[in-house]
PDB file of N, CA and C in Angstrom:
ATOM      1  N   MET A   1      99.007 103.665 113.563  1.00  0.00           N
ATOM      2  CA  MET A   1      97.494 102.870 113.461  1.00  0.00           C
ATOM      3  C   MET A   1      96.915 103.182 112.164  1.00  0.00           C
ATOM      4  N   LYS A   2      97.138 104.487 111.756  1.00  0.00           N
ATOM      5  CA  LYS A   2      96.150 104.811 110.832  1.00  0.00           C
ATOM      6  C   LYS A   2      95.977 103.889 109.516  1.00  0.00           C
ATOM      7  N   ASN A   3      97.172 103.206 109.256  1.00  0.00           N
ATOM      8  CA  ASN A   3      97.383 102.325 108.118  1.00  0.00           C
ATOM      9  C   ASN A   3      96.758 100.986 108.248  1.00  0.00           C
ATOM     10  N   GLU A   4      96.421 100.631 109.603  1.00  0.00           N
ATOM     11  CA  GLU A   4      95.734  99.490 109.877  1.00  0.00           C
ATOM     12  C   GLU A   4      94.245  99.344 109.460  1.00  0.00           C
ATOM     13  N   PHE A   5      93.840 100.510 109.055  1.00  0.00           N
ATOM     14  CA  PHE A   5      92.364 100.349 108.589  1.00  0.00           C
ATOM     15  C   PHE A   5      92.479  99.977 107.113  1.00  0.00           C
ATOM     16  N   VAL A   6      91.136  99.313 106.752  1.00  0.00           N
ATOM     17  CA  VAL A   6      91.011  98.725 105.355  1.00  0.00           C
ATOM     18  C   VAL A   6      90.734  99.832 104.402  1.00  0.00           C
ATOM     19  N   ASN A   7      91.536  99.780 103.251  1.00  0.00           N
ATOM     20  CA  ASN A   7      91.395 100.764 102.132  1.00  0.00           C
ATOM     21  C   ASN A   7      90.135 100.511 101.555  1.00  0.00           C
ATOM     22  N   ALA A   8      89.084 101.558 101.620  1.00  0.00           N
ATOM     23  CA  ALA A   8      87.673 101.182 101.029  1.00  0.00           C
ATOM     24  C   ALA A   8      87.920 101.492  99.316  1.00  0.00           C
ATOM     25  N   GLN A   9      88.832 102.292  98.945  1.00  0.00           N
ATOM     26  CA  GLN A   9      89.039 102.675  97.597  1.00  0.00           C
ATOM     27  C   GLN A   9      89.634 101.342  96.868  1.00  0.00           C
ATOM     28  N   GLU A  10      90.576 100.619  97.565  1.00  0.00           N
ATOM     29  CA  GLU A  10      90.976  99.276  97.188  1.00  0.00           C
ATOM     30  C   GLU A  10      89.833  98.324  97.053  1.00  0.00           C
ATOM     31  N   MET A  11      88.952  98.299  98.092  1.00  0.00           N
ATOM     32  CA  MET A  11      87.997  97.125  98.006  1.00  0.00           C
ATOM     33  C   MET A  11      87.049  97.609  96.847  1.00  0.00           C
ATOM     34  N   GLN A  12      86.703  98.772  96.614  1.00  0.00           N
ATOM     35  CA  GLN A  12      85.830  99.229  95.323  1.00  0.00           C
ATOM     36  C   GLN A  12      86.424  98.601  94.148  1.00  0.00           C
ATOM     37  N   ASN A  13      87.598  98.836  94.053  1.00  0.00           N
ATOM     38  CA  ASN A  13      88.393  98.379  92.643  1.00  0.00           C
ATOM     39  C   ASN A  13      88.510  96.975  92.696  1.00  0.00           C
ATOM     40  N   ARG A  14      88.722  96.173  93.815  1.00  0.00           N
ATOM     41  CA  ARG A  14      88.713  94.584  93.783  1.00  0.00           C
ATOM     42  C   ARG A  14      87.443  94.258  93.570  1.00  0.00           C
ATOM     43  N   TYR A  15      86.199  94.701  94.056  1.00  0.00           N
ATOM     44  CA  TYR A  15      84.913  94.145  93.886  1.00  0.00           C
ATOM     45  C   TYR A  15      83.883  95.324  93.303  1.00  0.00           C
ATOM     46  N   PRO A  16      84.161  95.426  92.049  1.00  0.00           N
ATOM     47  CA  PRO A  16      83.387  96.553  91.567  1.00  0.00           C
ATOM     48  C   PRO A  16      81.929  96.144  91.330  1.00  0.00           C
ATOM     49  N   GLY A  17      81.042  96.871  91.520  1.00  0.00           N
ATOM     50  CA  GLY A  17      79.594  96.535  91.466  1.00  0.00           C
ATOM     51  C   GLY A  17      79.168  95.944  92.580  1.00  0.00           C
ATOM     52  N   MET A  18      79.946  95.455  93.510  1.00  0.00           N
ATOM     53  CA  MET A  18      79.454  94.992  94.685  1.00  0.00           C
ATOM     54  C   MET A  18      79.734  95.966  95.970  1.00  0.00           C
ATOM     55  N   PHE A  19      80.689  96.951  95.713  1.00  0.00           N
ATOM     56  CA  PHE A  19      81.237  97.840  96.587  1.00  0.00           C
ATOM     57  C   PHE A  19      81.379  98.990  96.216  1.00  0.00           C
ATOM     58  N   LYS A  20      80.831 100.204  96.989  1.00  0.00           N
ATOM     59  CA  LYS A  20      81.040 101.472  96.512  1.00  0.00           C
ATOM     60  C   LYS A  20      81.676 102.502  97.388  1.00  0.00           C
ATOM     61  N   ALA A  21      82.647 102.764  97.338  1.00  0.00           N
ATOM     62  CA  ALA A  21      83.512 103.877  98.385  1.00  0.00           C
ATOM     63  C   ALA A  21      82.924 105.195  97.975  1.00  0.00           C
ATOM     64  N   PRO A  22      83.078 106.034  98.985  1.00  0.00           N
ATOM     65  CA  PRO A  22      82.739 107.512  98.500  1.00  0.00           C
ATOM     66  C   PRO A  22      83.545 107.982  97.493  1.00  0.00           C
ATOM     67  N   SER A  23      83.252 109.086  96.764  1.00  0.00           N
ATOM     68  CA  SER A  23      83.908 109.801  95.592  1.00  0.00           C
ATOM     69  C   SER A  23      85.054 110.638  96.188  1.00  0.00           C
ATOM     70  N   ALA A  24      85.816 111.135  95.383  1.00  0.00           N
ATOM     71  CA  ALA A  24      86.813 112.150  95.888  1.00  0.00           C
ATOM     72  C   ALA A  24      86.118 113.231  96.420  1.00  0.00           C
ATOM     73  N   ALA A  25      85.085 113.815  95.810  1.00  0.00           N
ATOM     74  CA  ALA A  25      84.299 115.123  96.193  1.00  0.00           C
ATOM     75  C   ALA A  25      83.613 114.815  97.469  1.00  0.00           C
ATOM     76  N   GLU A  26      83.164 113.708  97.675  1.00  0.00           N
ATOM     77  CA  GLU A  26      82.486 113.368  98.975  1.00  0.00           C
ATOM     78  C   GLU A  26      83.675 113.428 100.204  1.00  0.00           C
ATOM     79  N   LEU A  27      84.645 112.713  99.888  1.00  0.00           N
ATOM     80  CA  LEU A  27      85.706 112.782 100.787  1.00  0.00           C
ATOM     81  C   LEU A  27      86.329 114.231 101.143  1.00  0.00           C
ATOM     82  N   ALA A  28      86.356 114.960  99.979  1.00  0.00           N
ATOM     83  CA  ALA A  28      86.933 116.282 100.261  1.00  0.00           C
ATOM     84  C   ALA A  28      86.020 117.093 101.222  1.00  0.00           C
ATOM     85  N   ALA A  29      84.607 116.830 101.267  1.00  0.00           N
ATOM     86  CA  ALA A  29      83.481 117.623 101.789  1.00  0.00           C
ATOM     87  C   ALA A  29      83.386 117.126 103.371  1.00  0.00           C
ATOM     88  N   ILE A  30      84.185 116.136 103.826  1.00  0.00           N
ATOM     89  CA  ILE A  30      84.179 115.720 105.253  1.00  0.00           C
ATOM     90  C   ILE A  30      84.309 116.998 106.108  1.00  0.00           C
ATOM     91  N   LYS A  31      83.634 117.000 107.236  1.00  0.00           N
ATOM     92  CA  LYS A  31      83.924 118.115 108.188  1.00  0.00           C
ATOM     93  C   LYS A  31      83.563 117.647 109.538  1.00  0.00           C
ATOM     94  N   GLN A  32      83.959 118.682 110.467  1.00  0.00           N
ATOM     95  CA  GLN A  32      83.616 118.448 111.841  1.00  0.00           C
ATOM     96  C   GLN A  32      82.091 118.241 112.112  1.00  0.00           C
ATOM     97  N   GLY A  33      81.852 117.109 112.688  1.00  0.00           N
ATOM     98  CA  GLY A  33      80.404 116.874 113.172  1.00  0.00           C
ATOM     99  C   GLY A  33      79.891 115.599 112.307  1.00  0.00           C
ATOM    100  N   ASP A  34      80.421 115.421 111.166  1.00  0.00           N
ATOM    101  CA  ASP A  34      80.169 114.302 110.483  1.00  0.00           C
ATOM    102  C   ASP A  34      80.503 112.841 111.067  1.00  0.00           C
ATOM    103  N   PHE A  35      79.929 111.949 110.455  1.00  0.00           N
ATOM    104  CA  PHE A  35      80.532 110.551 111.128  1.00  0.00           C
ATOM    105  C   PHE A  35      80.979 109.823 109.958  1.00  0.00           C
ATOM    106  N   ILE A  36      82.085 109.054 109.922  1.00  0.00           N
ATOM    107  CA  ILE A  36      82.610 108.173 109.113  1.00  0.00           C
ATOM    108  C   ILE A  36      82.691 106.943 109.546  1.00  0.00           C
ATOM    109  N   LYS A  37      82.408 105.876 108.533  1.00  0.00           N
ATOM    110  CA  LYS A  37      82.502 104.392 108.929  1.00  0.00           C
ATOM    111  C   LYS A  37      83.715 103.948 108.289  1.00  0.00           C
ATOM    112  N   VAL A  38      84.518 103.122 109.126  1.00  0.00           N
ATOM    113  CA  VAL A  38      85.859 102.790 108.742  1.00  0.00           C
ATOM    114  C   VAL A  38      85.814 101.159 109.147  1.00  0.00           C
ATOM    115  N   CYS A  39      86.790 100.402 108.668  1.00  0.00           N
ATOM    116  CA  CYS A  39      87.105  99.010 108.973  1.00  0.00           C
ATOM    117  C   CYS A  39      88.276  98.624 109.389  1.00  0.00           C
ATOM    118  N   ARG A  40      88.308  97.874 110.545  1.00  0.00           N
ATOM    119  CA  ARG A  40      89.677  97.175 111.099  1.00  0.00           C
ATOM    120  C   ARG A  40      89.367  95.774 111.645  1.00  0.00           C
ATOM    121  N   ASN A  41      90.287  94.959 111.111  1.00  0.00           N
ATOM    122  CA  ASN A  41      90.012  93.359 111.697  1.00  0.00           C
ATOM    123  C   ASN A  41      88.636  92.994 111.396  1.00  0.00           C
ATOM    124  N   ASP A  42      88.111  93.161 110.175  1.00  0.00           N
ATOM    125  CA  ASP A  42      86.721  92.796 109.790  1.00  0.00           C
ATOM    126  C   ASP A  42      85.721  93.329 110.588  1.00  0.00           C
ATOM    127  N   GLU A  43      85.775  94.462 111.199  1.00  0.00           N
ATOM    128  CA  GLU A  43      84.802  95.129 111.957  1.00  0.00           C
ATOM    129  C   GLU A  43      84.667  96.544 111.424  1.00  0.00           C
ATOM    130  N   ARG A  44      83.576  97.072 111.014  1.00  0.00           N
ATOM    131  CA  ARG A  44      83.299  98.347 110.801  1.00  0.00           C
ATOM    132  C   ARG A  44      82.741  98.847 112.073  1.00  0.00           C
ATOM    133  N   PHE A  45      83.124 100.360 111.990  1.00  0.00           N
ATOM    134  CA  PHE A  45      82.519 101.136 113.261  1.00  0.00           C
ATOM    135  C   PHE A  45      82.391 102.589 112.725  1.00  0.00           C
ATOM    136  N   TRP A  46      81.822 103.351 113.540  1.00  0.00           N
ATOM    137  CA  TRP A  46      81.597 104.885 113.421  1.00  0.00           C
ATOM    138  C   TRP A  46      82.839 105.642 114.139  1.00  0.00           C
ATOM    139  N   ILE A  47      83.185 106.714 113.484  1.00  0.00           N
ATOM    140  CA  ILE A  47      84.045 107.885 113.867  1.00  0.00           C
ATOM    141  C   ILE A  47      83.381 109.129 113.980  1.00  0.00           C
ATOM    142  N   ARG A  48      83.087 109.863 114.926  1.00  0.00           N
ATOM    143  CA  ARG A  48      82.739 111.260 114.856  1.00  0.00           C
ATOM    144  C   ARG A  48      83.830 112.068 114.657  1.00  0.00           C
ATOM    145  N   VAL A  49      83.892 112.639 113.432  1.00  0.00           N
ATOM    146  CA  VAL A  49      84.845 113.696 113.050  1.00  0.00           C
ATOM    147  C   VAL A  49      84.950 114.957 113.831  1.00  0.00           C
ATOM    148  N   ILE A  50      86.181 115.130 114.255  1.00  0.00           N
ATOM    149  CA  ILE A  50      86.632 116.462 115.001  1.00  0.00           C
ATOM    150  C   ILE A  50      87.545 117.345 114.189  1.00  0.00           C
ATOM    151  N   GLY A  51      88.033 116.747 112.818  1.00  0.00           N
ATOM    152  CA  GLY A  51      88.762 117.570 112.200  1.00  0.00           C
ATOM    153  C   GLY A  51      89.114 116.729 110.917  1.00  0.00           C
ATOM    154  N   ALA A  52      89.399 117.586 109.761  1.00  0.00           N
ATOM    155  CA  ALA A  52      89.754 116.952 108.562  1.00  0.00           C
ATOM    156  C   ALA A  52      90.647 118.026 107.834  1.00  0.00           C
ATOM    157  N   ASP A  53      91.673 117.146 107.199  1.00  0.00           N
ATOM    158  CA  ASP A  53      92.560 118.097 106.152  1.00  0.00           C
ATOM    159  C   ASP A  53      92.377 117.372 104.981  1.00  0.00           C
ATOM    160  N   ARG A  54      93.288 117.632 103.969  1.00  0.00           N
ATOM    161  CA  ARG A  54      93.233 117.114 102.505  1.00  0.00           C
ATOM    162  C   ARG A  54      93.332 115.532 102.509  1.00  0.00           C
ATOM    163  N   LYS A  55      94.207 114.970 103.277  1.00  0.00           N
ATOM    164  CA  LYS A  55      94.358 113.605 103.411  1.00  0.00           C
ATOM    165  C   LYS A  55      93.903 112.699 104.572  1.00  0.00           C
ATOM    166  N   THR A  56      93.463 113.258 105.481  1.00  0.00           N
ATOM    167  CA  THR A  56      93.149 112.478 106.708  1.00  0.00           C
ATOM    168  C   THR A  56      92.041 113.086 107.376  1.00  0.00           C
ATOM    169  N   VAL A  57      91.331 112.219 108.305  1.00  0.00           N
ATOM    170  CA  VAL A  57      90.187 112.576 108.984  1.00  0.00           C
ATOM    171  C   VAL A  57      90.633 112.175 110.428  1.00  0.00           C
ATOM    172  N   THR A  58      90.427 113.050 111.381  1.00  0.00           N
ATOM    173  CA  THR A  58      90.592 112.807 112.989  1.00  0.00           C
ATOM    174  C   THR A  58      89.342 112.824 113.506  1.00  0.00           C
ATOM    175  N   GLY A  59      89.001 111.872 114.479  1.00  0.00           N
ATOM    176  CA  GLY A  59      87.838 111.955 115.276  1.00  0.00           C
ATOM    177  C   GLY A  59      87.793 110.777 116.363  1.00  0.00           C
ATOM    178  N   THR A  60      86.628 110.899 117.104  1.00  0.00           N
ATOM    179  CA  THR A  60      86.647 110.016 118.164  1.00  0.00           C
ATOM    180  C   THR A  60      85.582 108.640 117.791  1.00  0.00           C
ATOM    181  N   ILE A  61      86.211 107.514 118.228  1.00  0.00           N
ATOM    182  CA  ILE A  61      85.485 106.504 118.207  1.00  0.00           C
ATOM    183  C   ILE A  61      84.164 106.438 118.699  1.00  0.00           C
ATOM    184  N   ASP A  62      82.910 106.195 118.159  1.00  0.00           N
ATOM    185  CA  ASP A  62      81.638 106.416 118.530  1.00  0.00           C
ATOM    186  C   ASP A  62      80.735 105.162 118.818  1.00  0.00           C
ATOM    187  N   ASN A  63      81.388 104.036 118.812  1.00  0.00           N
ATOM    188  CA  ASN A  63      80.598 102.827 119.384  1.00  0.00           C
ATOM    189  C   ASN A  63      81.653 101.788 119.975  1.00  0.00           C
ATOM    190  N   HIS A  64      81.005 100.835 120.899  1.00  0.00           N
ATOM    191  CA  HIS A  64      81.952  99.879 121.484  1.00  0.00           C
ATOM    192  C   HIS A  64      82.254  98.825 120.183  1.00  0.00           C
ATOM    193  N   LEU A  65      83.468  98.210 120.177  1.00  0.00           N
ATOM    194  CA  LEU A  65      83.900  97.460 119.301  1.00  0.00           C
ATOM    195  C   LEU A  65      84.139  95.920 119.934  1.00  0.00           C
ATOM    196  N   ASP A  66      84.027  94.869 119.257  1.00  0.00           N
ATOM    197  CA  ASP A  66      84.128  93.534 119.737  1.00  0.00           C
ATOM    198  C   ASP A  66      85.585  93.102 119.245  1.00  0.00           C
ATOM    199  N   ARG A  67      86.033  93.231 118.104  1.00  0.00           N
ATOM    200  CA  ARG A  67      87.214  92.594 117.602  1.00  0.00           C
ATOM    201  C   ARG A  67      88.364  93.485 117.604  1.00  0.00           C
ATOM    202  N   ASN A  68      88.216  94.692 118.449  1.00  0.00           N
ATOM    203  CA  ASN A  68      89.504  95.723 118.277  1.00  0.00           C
ATOM    204  C   ASN A  68      89.467  96.337 119.762  1.00  0.00           C
ATOM    205  N   PRO A  69      90.056  95.337 120.510  1.00  0.00           N
ATOM    206  CA  PRO A  69      89.852  95.969 122.075  1.00  0.00           C
ATOM    207  C   PRO A  69      90.644  97.057 122.435  1.00  0.00           C
ATOM    208  N   ASP A  70      91.765  97.346 121.563  1.00  0.00           N
ATOM    209  CA  ASP A  70      92.458  98.390 121.737  1.00  0.00           C
ATOM    210  C   ASP A  70      91.871  99.754 121.380  1.00  0.00           C
ATOM    211  N   LEU A  71      90.732  99.734 120.618  1.00  0.00           N
ATOM    212  CA  LEU A  71      90.018 101.048 120.261  1.00  0.00           C
ATOM    213  C   LEU A  71      89.034 101.168 121.088  1.00  0.00           C
ATOM    214  N   LEU A  72      88.849 101.969 122.060  1.00  0.00           N
ATOM    215  CA  LEU A  72      88.111 102.222 123.009  1.00  0.00           C
ATOM    216  C   LEU A  72      86.920 103.422 122.639  1.00  0.00           C
ATOM    217  N   LEU A  73      85.806 103.346 122.972  1.00  0.00           N
ATOM    218  CA  LEU A  73      84.881 104.295 122.795  1.00  0.00           C
ATOM    219  C   LEU A  73      85.337 105.681 123.330  1.00  0.00           C
ATOM    220  N   GLY A  74      85.349 106.717 122.434  1.00  0.00           N
ATOM    221  CA  GLY A  74      85.831 108.122 122.710  1.00  0.00           C
ATOM    222  C   GLY A  74      87.385 108.346 122.303  1.00  0.00           C
ATOM    223  N   LEU A  75      88.131 107.157 122.013  1.00  0.00           N
ATOM    224  CA  LEU A  75      89.505 107.303 121.549  1.00  0.00           C
ATOM    225  C   LEU A  75      89.655 108.134 120.417  1.00  0.00           C
ATOM    226  N   ILE A  76      90.788 108.925 120.250  1.00  0.00           N
ATOM    227  CA  ILE A  76      91.110 110.013 119.151  1.00  0.00           C
ATOM    228  C   ILE A  76      91.924 108.989 118.342  1.00  0.00           C
ATOM    229  N   VAL A  77      91.263 109.049 116.897  1.00  0.00           N
ATOM    230  CA  VAL A  77      92.214 108.342 115.994  1.00  0.00           C
ATOM    231  C   VAL A  77      92.242 109.121 114.666  1.00  0.00           C
ATOM    232  N   THR A  78      93.271 108.965 113.869  1.00  0.00           N
ATOM    233  CA  THR A  78      93.402 109.532 112.487  1.00  0.00           C
ATOM    234  C   THR A  78      93.304 108.599 111.412  1.00  0.00           C
ATOM    235  N   VAL A  79      92.723 108.731 110.362  1.00  0.00           N
ATOM    236  CA  VAL A  79      92.473 107.771 109.387  1.00  0.00           C
ATOM    237  C   VAL A  79      92.652 108.552 108.098  1.00  0.00           C
ATOM    238  N   ASP A  80      93.414 107.868 107.029  1.00  0.00           N
ATOM    239  CA  ASP A  80      93.574 108.231 105.776  1.00  0.00           C
ATOM    240  C   ASP A  80      92.233 108.292 105.131  1.00  0.00           C
ATOM    241  N   LYS A  81      91.899 109.276 104.272  1.00  0.00           N
ATOM    242  CA  LYS A  81      90.577 109.493 103.522  1.00  0.00           C
ATOM    243  C   LYS A  81      90.120 108.357 102.729  1.00  0.00           C
ATOM    244  N   ASP A  82      91.204 107.579 102.162  1.00  0.00           N
ATOM    245  CA  ASP A  82      90.942 106.407 101.282  1.00  0.00           C
ATOM    246  C   ASP A  82      90.426 105.053 102.204  1.00  0.00           C
ATOM    247  N   ARG A  83      90.493 105.385 103.439  1.00  0.00           N
ATOM    248  CA  ARG A  83      90.059 104.239 104.470  1.00  0.00           C
ATOM    249  C   ARG A  83      88.543 104.496 104.741  1.00  0.00           C
ATOM    250  N   VAL A  84      87.919 105.573 104.244  1.00  0.00           N
ATOM    251  CA  VAL A  84      86.395 105.845 104.715  1.00  0.00           C
ATOM    252  C   VAL A  84      85.544 104.976 103.917  1.00  0.00           C
ATOM    253  N   TYR A  85      84.498 104.319 104.378  1.00  0.00           N
ATOM    254  CA  TYR A  85      83.730 103.490 103.815  1.00  0.00           C
ATOM    255  C   TYR A  85      82.345 104.192 103.478  1.00  0.00           C
ATOM    256  N   THR A  86      81.851 105.062 104.508  1.00  0.00           N
ATOM    257  CA  THR A  86      80.588 105.830 104.472  1.00  0.00           C
ATOM    258  C   THR A  86      80.739 106.935 105.257  1.00  0.00           C
ATOM    259  N   ILE A  87      80.068 107.975 104.544  1.00  0.00           N
ATOM    260  CA  ILE A  87      80.032 109.288 105.288  1.00  0.00           C
ATOM    261  C   ILE A  87      78.560 109.723 105.717  1.00  0.00           C
ATOM    262  N   LEU A  88      78.447 109.997 107.031  1.00  0.00           N
ATOM    263  CA  LEU A  88      77.019 110.457 107.340  1.00  0.00           C
ATOM    264  C   LEU A  88      77.093 111.868 107.754  1.00  0.00           C
ATOM    265  N   LYS A  89      76.358 112.748 107.069  1.00  0.00           N
ATOM    266  CA  LYS A  89      76.337 114.238 107.471  1.00  0.00           C
ATOM    267  C   LYS A  89      75.411 114.522 108.597  1.00  0.00           C
TER     268      LYS A  89
END
């Protein structure tokens, strides 16, 4: 499932000046307790981080979704860091 999320870094490259993804340093600093925003099926949503390593972030979905009925509130998912749109400390 983790590759079903939209790649934020590719979006930044495709739409320069219109879209800004987190830097490598910001992605490296993601830690437990942070929130990240990701996108799947044209719907952006928040994940509460429970763990992160060099390449991925694992967390629980933190809001109800309309376009992704298989992603329920509280579901644990793992996302590649290049799919992160926003980081909230």
